């Protein structure tokens, strides 16, 4: 049986580092910079759910 180093280095290319296959960072579709009606609507729904839960807990 071959050594660990010999076994894995046998079929490796000269430069085994892979090229970047996806861009890093955000673009126009980056969720962290997206603001709009969906974002505001989400917070209003969350607030309504919290108020309803508190209402039913304390009745």
N, C-alpha and C. Protein backbone atom coordinates (compact mmCIF):
# COMPACT_ATOMS: atom_id res chain seq x y z
N UNK A 1 0.85 -1.18 0.00
CA UNK A 1 0.00 0.00 0.00
C UNK A 1 0.89 1.24 0.00
N UNK A 2 0.47 2.26 -0.73
CA UNK A 2 1.28 3.47 -0.87
C UNK A 2 1.12 4.38 0.34
N UNK A 3 2.13 5.22 0.54
CA UNK A 3 2.05 6.24 1.60
C UNK A 3 0.92 7.20 1.30
N UNK A 4 0.45 7.93 2.33
CA UNK A 4 -0.62 8.90 2.13
C UNK A 4 -0.21 9.99 1.17
N UNK A 5 1.01 10.52 1.29
CA UNK A 5 1.47 11.58 0.40
C UNK A 5 1.64 11.10 -1.02
N UNK A 6 2.17 9.90 -1.19
CA UNK A 6 2.39 9.35 -2.53
C UNK A 6 1.06 9.02 -3.19
N UNK A 7 0.12 8.47 -2.44
CA UNK A 7 -1.17 8.08 -2.99
C UNK A 7 -1.93 9.28 -3.54
N UNK A 8 -1.98 10.37 -2.78
CA UNK A 8 -2.75 11.52 -3.20
C UNK A 8 -2.03 12.40 -4.21
N UNK A 9 -0.74 12.37 -4.26
CA UNK A 9 -0.02 13.23 -5.20
C UNK A 9 0.13 12.59 -6.57
N UNK A 10 -0.21 11.35 -6.72
CA UNK A 10 0.00 10.63 -7.97
C UNK A 10 -0.78 11.23 -9.13
N UNK A 11 -2.06 11.50 -8.95
CA UNK A 11 -2.92 11.97 -10.04
C UNK A 11 -3.24 13.45 -9.98
N UNK A 12 -2.56 14.20 -9.15
CA UNK A 12 -2.85 15.64 -9.02
C UNK A 12 -2.17 16.42 -10.13
N UNK A 13 -2.80 17.47 -10.61
CA UNK A 13 -2.15 18.32 -11.62
C UNK A 13 -1.02 19.14 -10.99
N UNK A 14 -0.25 19.80 -11.83
CA UNK A 14 0.87 20.61 -11.35
C UNK A 14 0.38 21.73 -10.42
N UNK A 15 -0.69 22.39 -10.83
CA UNK A 15 -1.26 23.47 -10.01
C UNK A 15 -2.64 23.01 -9.57
N UNK A 16 -2.77 22.39 -8.40
CA UNK A 16 -4.05 21.79 -8.01
C UNK A 16 -5.10 22.79 -7.54
N UNK A 17 -4.76 24.07 -7.48
CA UNK A 17 -5.70 25.07 -7.01
C UNK A 17 -6.76 25.34 -8.08
N UNK A 18 -8.03 25.29 -7.69
CA UNK A 18 -9.13 25.52 -8.63
C UNK A 18 -9.36 27.01 -8.83
N UNK A 19 -9.79 27.33 -10.02
CA UNK A 19 -10.14 28.73 -10.31
C UNK A 19 -11.44 29.07 -9.58
N UNK A 20 -11.65 30.34 -9.30
CA UNK A 20 -12.87 30.79 -8.63
C UNK A 20 -14.05 30.51 -9.55
N UNK A 21 -15.04 29.78 -9.05
CA UNK A 21 -16.17 29.41 -9.89
C UNK A 21 -17.41 30.28 -9.66
N UNK A 22 -17.33 31.21 -8.73
CA UNK A 22 -18.45 32.12 -8.52
C UNK A 22 -17.92 33.47 -8.05
N UNK A 23 -18.59 34.52 -8.40
CA UNK A 23 -18.11 35.84 -8.00
C UNK A 23 -18.32 36.06 -6.51
N UNK A 24 -17.45 36.84 -5.93
CA UNK A 24 -17.60 37.20 -4.52
C UNK A 24 -18.18 38.59 -4.42
N UNK A 25 -18.85 38.84 -3.32
CA UNK A 25 -19.43 40.15 -3.13
C UNK A 25 -20.80 40.24 -3.76
N UNK A 26 -21.39 41.38 -3.64
CA UNK A 26 -22.75 41.56 -4.11
C UNK A 26 -22.81 42.26 -5.44
N UNK A 27 -23.97 42.22 -5.98
CA UNK A 27 -24.26 42.91 -7.22
C UNK A 27 -25.59 43.60 -7.05
N UNK A 28 -26.24 43.87 -8.14
CA UNK A 28 -27.55 44.52 -8.04
C UNK A 28 -28.58 43.65 -7.31
N UNK A 29 -28.37 42.34 -7.34
CA UNK A 29 -29.33 41.44 -6.69
C UNK A 29 -28.94 41.09 -5.27
N UNK A 30 -27.99 41.77 -4.70
CA UNK A 30 -27.54 41.50 -3.33
C UNK A 30 -28.67 41.80 -2.35
N UNK A 31 -29.02 40.82 -1.50
CA UNK A 31 -30.15 40.97 -0.59
C UNK A 31 -29.87 42.00 0.51
N UNK A 32 -28.62 42.19 0.89
CA UNK A 32 -28.32 43.11 1.98
C UNK A 32 -28.56 44.57 1.59
N UNK A 33 -28.52 44.88 0.32
CA UNK A 33 -28.75 46.26 -0.11
C UNK A 33 -30.16 46.48 -0.62
N UNK A 34 -30.97 45.41 -0.66
CA UNK A 34 -32.31 45.54 -1.21
C UNK A 34 -33.24 46.16 -0.16
N UNK A 35 -33.85 47.25 -0.50
CA UNK A 35 -34.88 47.84 0.34
C UNK A 35 -36.06 48.16 -0.55
N UNK A 36 -37.22 47.99 -0.04
CA UNK A 36 -38.39 48.26 -0.85
C UNK A 36 -39.64 47.82 -0.14
N UNK A 37 -40.74 47.73 -0.88
CA UNK A 37 -42.03 47.41 -0.27
C UNK A 37 -42.04 46.04 0.41
N UNK A 38 -41.35 45.07 -0.13
CA UNK A 38 -41.34 43.74 0.47
C UNK A 38 -40.73 43.79 1.87
N UNK A 39 -39.68 44.56 2.03
CA UNK A 39 -39.00 44.66 3.32
C UNK A 39 -39.92 45.31 4.36
N UNK A 40 -40.60 46.36 3.99
CA UNK A 40 -41.50 47.06 4.91
C UNK A 40 -42.70 46.19 5.24
N UNK A 41 -43.23 45.52 4.24
CA UNK A 41 -44.37 44.63 4.42
C UNK A 41 -44.03 43.50 5.38
N UNK A 42 -42.84 42.97 5.29
CA UNK A 42 -42.41 41.89 6.17
C UNK A 42 -42.39 42.34 7.62
N UNK A 43 -41.88 43.53 7.90
CA UNK A 43 -41.84 44.03 9.28
C UNK A 43 -43.24 44.29 9.83
N UNK A 44 -44.15 44.78 9.00
CA UNK A 44 -45.52 45.01 9.46
C UNK A 44 -46.21 43.69 9.80
N UNK A 45 -46.01 42.68 8.99
CA UNK A 45 -46.61 41.37 9.28
C UNK A 45 -46.02 40.79 10.55
N UNK A 46 -44.72 40.90 10.72
CA UNK A 46 -44.07 40.41 11.94
C UNK A 46 -44.61 41.13 13.17
N UNK A 47 -44.77 42.43 13.09
CA UNK A 47 -45.33 43.20 14.20
C UNK A 47 -46.76 42.77 14.51
N UNK A 48 -47.57 42.54 13.49
CA UNK A 48 -48.95 42.10 13.71
C UNK A 48 -49.00 40.73 14.38
N UNK A 49 -48.12 39.83 13.98
CA UNK A 49 -48.09 38.50 14.59
C UNK A 49 -47.69 38.60 16.06
N UNK A 50 -46.71 39.42 16.37
CA UNK A 50 -46.28 39.59 17.77
C UNK A 50 -47.41 40.17 18.60
N UNK A 51 -48.11 41.16 18.07
CA UNK A 51 -49.22 41.77 18.80
C UNK A 51 -50.34 40.74 19.03
N UNK A 52 -50.66 39.94 18.02
CA UNK A 52 -51.69 38.92 18.19
C UNK A 52 -51.29 37.86 19.21
N UNK A 53 -50.05 37.44 19.19
CA UNK A 53 -49.58 36.45 20.16
C UNK A 53 -49.67 37.02 21.57
N UNK A 54 -49.20 38.23 21.77
CA UNK A 54 -49.30 38.86 23.08
C UNK A 54 -50.75 39.04 23.51
N UNK A 55 -51.63 39.38 22.59
CA UNK A 55 -53.04 39.56 22.88
C UNK A 55 -53.65 38.26 23.38
N UNK A 56 -53.36 37.14 22.71
CA UNK A 56 -53.94 35.87 23.11
C UNK A 56 -53.29 35.30 24.38
N UNK A 57 -52.09 35.66 24.67
CA UNK A 57 -51.44 35.20 25.90
C UNK A 57 -52.05 35.89 27.11
N UNK A 58 -52.33 37.17 27.02
CA UNK A 58 -52.78 37.93 28.19
C UNK A 58 -54.30 38.06 28.27
N UNK A 59 -55.06 37.33 27.48
CA UNK A 59 -56.54 37.36 27.63
C UNK A 59 -56.97 36.30 28.59
